[in-house]
Protein backbone atom coordinates (compact mmCIF):
# COMPACT_ATOMS: atom_id res chain seq x y z
CA MET A 1 0.00 0.02 0.03
CA THR A 2 2.86 2.36 0.88
CA LYS A 3 4.48 1.79 -2.56
CA GLY A 4 1.15 2.53 -4.19
CA ILE A 5 1.08 5.95 -2.38
CA TYR A 6 4.60 6.70 -3.44
CA SER A 7 3.64 6.03 -7.11
CA LEU A 8 0.74 8.26 -6.97
CA LEU A 9 2.60 11.07 -5.40
CA PHE A 10 5.16 10.75 -7.98
CA ILE A 11 2.97 10.56 -10.99
CA TYR A 12 0.70 13.29 -9.67
CA PRO A 13 2.68 16.27 -11.00
CA ILE A 14 3.40 14.55 -14.38
CA LEU A 15 -0.49 14.06 -14.78
CA LEU A 16 -1.04 17.72 -14.14
CA LEU A 17 1.51 18.64 -16.85
CA SER A 18 -0.04 16.33 -19.28
CA VAL A 19 -3.67 17.50 -18.95
CA GLY A 20 -2.82 21.25 -19.29
CA CYS A 21 -0.31 23.92 -19.21
CA VAL A 22 0.93 24.42 -15.80
CA SER A 23 3.44 27.08 -14.96
CA THR A 24 6.84 25.99 -13.88
CA GLY A 25 6.44 27.78 -10.50
CA LYS A 26 3.31 25.73 -9.59
CA TYR A 27 4.88 22.60 -10.83
CA LYS A 28 7.81 23.18 -8.42
CA LYS A 29 5.55 23.95 -5.67
CA LEU A 30 3.53 20.91 -6.29
CA GLU A 31 6.54 18.88 -6.52
CA GLY A 32 7.75 20.15 -3.19
CA VAL A 33 4.39 19.32 -1.64
CA SER A 34 4.64 15.93 -2.93
CA GLN A 35 8.10 15.43 -1.68
CA GLY A 36 7.03 16.71 1.75
CA TYR A 37 4.30 13.91 1.83
CA LEU A 38 6.86 11.31 0.75
CA ASP A 39 9.13 12.38 3.56
CA LYS A 40 6.35 12.25 5.93
CA LEU A 41 5.24 8.81 4.73
CA GLU A 42 8.85 7.52 4.95
CA SER A 43 9.13 8.87 8.48
CA SER A 44 5.79 7.32 9.31
CA GLU A 45 6.83 4.00 7.99
CA ASP A 46 9.90 4.11 10.19
CA ARG A 47 7.84 4.86 13.07
CA ILE A 48 5.54 2.00 12.25
CA ASN A 49 8.50 -0.31 12.05
CA GLN A 50 9.76 0.89 15.36
CA LEU A 51 6.45 0.31 16.87
CA ASP A 52 6.12 -3.18 15.28
CA GLU A 53 9.43 -4.00 16.93
CA GLN A 54 8.39 -2.75 20.27
CA LEU A 55 5.18 -4.61 19.92
CA ALA A 56 7.12 -7.69 19.15
CA ASP A 57 9.39 -7.09 22.20
CA LEU A 58 6.42 -6.62 24.40
CA GLU A 59 4.90 -9.89 23.05
CA LYS A 60 7.96 -11.69 23.92
CA GLU A 61 8.09 -10.12 27.37
CA LYS A 62 4.46 -10.94 27.90
CA MET A 63 5.04 -14.57 27.02
CA MET A 64 7.97 -14.66 29.28
CA LEU A 65 6.06 -13.12 32.18
CA GLU A 66 3.18 -15.49 31.59
CA SER A 67 5.64 -18.40 31.77
CA SER A 68 7.38 -17.01 34.90
CA ASN A 69 3.83 -16.34 36.35
CA LYS A 70 2.73 -20.04 35.63
CA ASP A 71 6.14 -21.27 37.24
CA LEU A 72 5.67 -19.10 40.30
CA THR A 73 1.94 -20.16 40.60
CA GLU A 74 2.99 -23.82 40.31
CA ALA A 75 5.76 -23.14 42.94
CA LEU A 76 3.38 -21.58 45.37
CA ASN A 77 0.72 -24.10 45.01
CA ALA A 78 3.45 -26.83 45.56
CA GLU A 79 4.82 -24.78 48.60
CA LYS A 80 1.15 -24.22 49.86
CA GLY A 81 0.56 -27.98 49.56
CA GLU A 82 3.75 -28.73 51.48
CA LEU A 83 2.91 -26.26 54.24
CA SER A 84 -0.65 -27.74 54.55
CA LYS A 85 1.05 -31.13 55.08
CA LYS A 86 3.25 -29.73 57.73
CA VAL A 87 0.30 -27.89 59.51
CA ALA A 88 -1.58 -31.28 59.42
CA ASN A 89 1.49 -33.08 60.86
CA LEU A 90 2.01 -30.57 63.60
CA ASN A 91 -1.58 -30.78 64.61
CA SER A 92 -1.39 -34.51 64.75
CA GLU A 93 1.76 -34.14 66.92
CA LYS A 94 0.07 -31.61 69.01
CA LEU A 95 -2.86 -34.03 69.81
CA ASP A 96 -0.35 -36.94 70.54
CA LEU A 97 1.38 -34.65 72.90
CA GLU A 98 -1.79 -33.43 74.54
CA LYS A 99 -2.78 -37.21 74.88
CA LYS A 100 0.56 -38.04 76.50
CA VAL A 101 0.38 -35.14 78.86
CA ALA A 102 -3.02 -36.36 79.79
CA GLU A 103 -1.77 -39.78 80.41
CA ILE A 104 1.22 -38.45 82.45
CA GLU A 105 -0.96 -36.27 84.55
CA LYS A 106 -3.23 -39.32 85.16
CA GLU A 107 -0.32 -41.60 86.11
CA LYS A 108 1.04 -38.71 88.50
CA ASP A 109 -2.27 -38.41 90.15
CA ALA A 110 -2.34 -42.23 90.55
CA LEU A 111 1.15 -42.25 92.01
CA LYS A 112 0.36 -39.47 94.42
CA LYS A 113 -2.75 -41.34 95.58
CA GLU A 114 -0.68 -44.61 96.05
CA GLN A 115 1.92 -42.58 97.94
CA ARG A 116 -0.60 -41.10 100.19
CA GLU A 117 -2.17 -44.55 100.81
CA ASN A 118 1.36 -46.01 101.39
CA LEU A 119 2.31 -43.40 103.93
CA PHE A 120 -1.03 -43.89 105.68
CA GLN A 121 -0.58 -47.77 105.69
CA MET A 122 3.00 -47.26 106.86
CA LYS A 123 1.86 -45.19 109.65
CA LYS A 124 -0.77 -47.74 110.64
CA ASP A 125 1.74 -50.62 110.36
CA HIS A 126 4.06 -48.71 112.68
CA GLU A 127 1.39 -48.03 115.24
CA ASP A 128 0.23 -51.86 115.03
CA LEU A 129 3.97 -52.94 115.61
CA VAL A 130 4.27 -50.47 118.52
CA LYS A 131 1.19 -51.72 120.04
CA GLY A 132 2.04 -55.39 119.75
CA LEU A 133 5.36 -54.93 121.17
CA GLN A 134 4.50 -52.00 123.63
CA GLU A 135 5.91 -53.62 126.71
CA GLU A 136 9.32 -54.29 125.21
CA VAL A 137 9.36 -50.95 123.48
CA GLU A 138 8.62 -49.15 126.78
CA ALA A 139 11.43 -51.18 128.39
CA GLY A 140 13.89 -49.97 125.74
CA GLN A 141 14.44 -53.68 124.53
CA VAL A 142 12.86 -53.03 121.26
CA THR A 143 13.09 -50.18 118.80
CA ILE A 144 10.90 -49.51 115.83
CA THR A 145 12.22 -47.31 113.10
CA GLN A 146 10.80 -46.17 109.66
CA LEU A 147 13.18 -45.32 106.84
CA GLU A 148 12.97 -45.29 102.98
CA GLY A 149 9.63 -47.26 102.97
CA LYS A 150 10.92 -49.94 105.34
CA LEU A 151 9.86 -50.67 108.92
CA THR A 152 12.64 -52.18 111.12
CA VAL A 153 12.18 -53.87 114.45
CA ASN A 154 15.32 -53.96 116.17
CA VAL A 155 15.31 -56.59 119.17
CA ALA A 156 18.16 -57.15 121.61
CA ASP A 157 19.30 -60.59 121.26
CA LYS A 158 18.81 -61.32 125.05
CA ILE A 159 15.13 -61.02 124.49
CA PHE A 160 15.28 -64.05 122.04
CA PHE A 161 18.29 -65.99 123.18
CA ASP A 162 20.31 -66.83 126.13
CA SER A 163 24.09 -66.17 125.94
CA GLY A 164 25.79 -68.58 123.60
CA LYS A 165 22.55 -70.29 122.55
CA THR A 166 20.60 -70.42 119.42
CA GLN A 167 17.40 -71.94 120.87
CA LEU A 168 14.79 -69.41 121.49
CA ASN A 169 14.08 -68.68 125.20
CA LYS A 170 10.60 -68.21 126.66
CA SER A 171 10.55 -64.52 126.48
CA GLY A 172 11.52 -64.74 122.76
CA LYS A 173 8.60 -67.14 122.04
CA GLU A 174 6.29 -64.79 123.74
CA VAL A 175 7.37 -61.77 121.76
CA LEU A 176 7.33 -63.78 118.48
CA PHE A 177 3.71 -64.95 119.00
CA ARG A 178 2.55 -61.34 119.36
CA LEU A 179 4.72 -60.25 116.42
CA ALA A 180 3.11 -63.10 114.32
CA ASP A 181 -0.21 -61.66 114.85
CA VAL A 182 0.92 -58.36 113.63
CA ILE A 183 2.79 -59.81 110.53
CA LYS A 184 -0.62 -61.63 109.52
CA GLY A 185 -2.13 -58.19 109.18
CA LEU A 186 0.66 -57.04 107.04
CA GLU A 187 -0.25 -59.19 104.07
CA LYS A 188 1.75 -57.15 101.43
CA LYS A 189 5.00 -57.20 103.50
CA GLN A 190 7.86 -59.44 103.10
CA VAL A 191 9.65 -60.14 106.36
CA VAL A 192 13.56 -60.31 106.37
CA ILE A 193 15.05 -61.62 109.66
CA GLU A 194 18.69 -60.46 110.06
CA GLY A 195 21.10 -61.79 112.67
CA HIS A 196 23.88 -59.64 114.08
CA THR A 197 26.65 -60.16 116.60
CA ASP A 198 29.35 -58.13 118.26
CA ASN A 199 33.07 -58.63 117.34
CA ALA A 200 33.88 -61.03 120.16
CA LYS A 201 35.33 -64.36 118.94
CA ILE A 202 33.28 -67.69 119.54
CA GLY A 203 34.25 -69.47 122.74
CA PRO A 204 35.87 -72.81 122.62
CA SER A 205 32.64 -74.50 123.76
CA LEU A 206 30.69 -73.32 120.78
CA ARG A 207 33.53 -73.17 118.15
CA GLU A 208 32.86 -76.65 116.92
CA LYS A 209 29.24 -75.88 116.20
CA PHE A 210 29.65 -72.17 115.22
CA PRO A 211 33.26 -71.61 113.89
CA THR A 212 32.56 -67.85 113.47
CA ASN A 213 29.85 -65.22 114.22
CA TRP A 214 28.73 -65.74 110.67
CA GLU A 215 27.53 -69.14 111.53
CA LEU A 216 26.02 -67.97 114.96
CA SER A 217 24.25 -64.93 113.40
CA THR A 218 22.71 -67.04 110.55
CA SER A 219 21.63 -69.92 112.89
CA ARG A 220 19.72 -67.41 115.24
CA ALA A 221 18.00 -65.70 112.18
CA THR A 222 17.05 -69.06 110.92
CA GLU A 223 15.66 -70.00 114.32
CA VAL A 224 13.34 -66.98 114.38
CA VAL A 225 12.02 -67.71 110.81
CA ARG A 226 11.40 -71.36 111.67
CA PHE A 227 9.35 -70.23 114.62
CA LEU A 228 7.35 -67.67 112.66
CA GLU A 229 6.45 -70.32 110.14
CA GLU A 230 5.83 -73.39 112.21
CA LYS A 231 4.37 -71.75 115.33
CA GLY A 232 3.33 -68.31 114.18
CA GLY A 233 1.52 -69.52 110.89
CA ILE A 234 3.39 -66.97 108.53
CA GLU A 235 3.69 -68.25 105.03
CA PRO A 236 7.20 -69.44 104.23
CA TYR A 237 7.50 -67.43 101.00
CA ARG A 238 7.12 -64.30 102.97
CA LEU A 239 10.01 -65.09 105.30
CA ILE A 240 13.90 -64.61 104.60
CA ALA A 241 16.79 -65.45 107.04
CA VAL A 242 20.24 -63.91 106.67
CA GLY A 243 23.23 -63.62 109.05
CA TYR A 244 25.79 -60.62 108.93
CA GLY A 245 28.05 -61.75 111.88
CA SER A 246 29.71 -58.61 113.21
CA SER A 247 29.97 -56.93 109.76
CA ARG A 248 27.14 -54.32 110.45
CA PRO A 249 27.67 -52.82 113.91
CA VAL A 250 25.41 -50.12 115.11
CA ALA A 251 27.48 -49.10 118.11
CA ASP A 252 31.18 -49.09 119.13
CA ASN A 253 32.39 -52.66 120.19
CA ALA A 254 34.86 -51.06 122.55
CA THR A 255 32.37 -50.73 125.31
CA PRO A 256 30.15 -53.43 126.78
CA LYS A 257 27.10 -51.10 126.11
CA GLY A 258 28.16 -50.90 122.43
CA LYS A 259 28.56 -54.80 122.16
CA ALA A 260 25.16 -55.30 123.76
CA LYS A 261 23.55 -52.96 120.92
CA ASN A 262 25.40 -54.91 118.24
CA ARG A 263 24.09 -58.13 119.45
CA ARG A 264 20.48 -58.00 117.89
CA ILE A 265 17.85 -59.36 115.76
CA GLU A 266 16.42 -56.99 113.21
CA ILE A 267 13.15 -57.88 111.65
CA ILE A 268 12.64 -55.86 108.50
CA PHE A 269 9.18 -55.22 106.79
CA GLN A 270 9.45 -54.28 103.16
CA ASP A 271 6.90 -54.03 100.36
CA LYS A 272 6.52 -57.01 97.79
CA ASP A 273 4.21 -57.48 94.96
CA TRP A 274 3.59 -61.14 95.24
CA LYS A 275 1.77 -61.38 92.01
CA LYS A 276 5.06 -60.84 90.19
CA VAL A 277 6.88 -63.53 92.31
CA GLU A 278 7.33 -66.63 89.89
CA THR A 279 7.80 -69.96 91.75
CA SER A 280 10.54 -71.88 89.93
CA LYS A 281 10.33 -75.60 89.50
CA PRO A 282 13.15 -77.74 90.64
CA SER A 283 15.20 -79.18 87.79
CA MET A 284 15.48 -82.89 87.51
CA ILE A 285 18.88 -84.46 87.60
CA GLU A 286 19.37 -87.75 85.85
CA PRO A 287 21.39 -90.51 87.63
CA GLY A 288 25.03 -90.26 86.94
CA GLU A 289 24.77 -86.51 85.77
CA ASP A 290 27.31 -84.23 87.33
CA LEU A 291 26.12 -81.25 89.18
CA LYS A 292 27.60 -77.96 87.97
């Protein structure tokens, strides 16, 4: 179209000359006008080309922006989905933690209740023991202590045994009968009988039967256990006998008074969950099989 306009503007003065006589001045004037239009058209065409190029660049930029926007949208959607998963996981963890906290609080309350009940029961057990052995406690021959969840009855050995003897005397049996009645009421307690001596060596008359204080203390503890089972009616699985000899003194053996305190029988009451105690079956040994 532009070429056609150029041709018309070029031919237009010639046509004027061919159809009539036109002065040279008018011709030149028309020719100048024609040339001006040609210059303007050329300038317009350059401007149109520039605008076309700018438009093409803008289209490219638009396409790039659209592509970038698409990528950003996809990335944002992906990140949003990931964040949603994290939020869901955190909410799930929060619920689990709240559940665990509730369980811990419940367990803590149960432990507090159990502790209160244990303290109450221990106080009652202590009162029952004091009541059952009141005469000996008042005479200073028996002491009852409470430490770390254990009740300990400390009995001077002369209450149970005559000097150098391992057979219970009359007063010892009377005390154990009363003690057995108290033990029967302490069904959840295990009873440990400990034999203790001073550091005096065994005399010649007893050395054959009891070479050291270990054997003497163990024999006396065993005698108390047998009496509680056979005469006092205490279940044997609740009873333990152990002898410590002179290894655990409570006083200085340098004085007669200290030695007297160290010669003692300790009866310890400790908690025991009998449901968890498993009775083991004796293993059978075939004839001729060696013991290992």
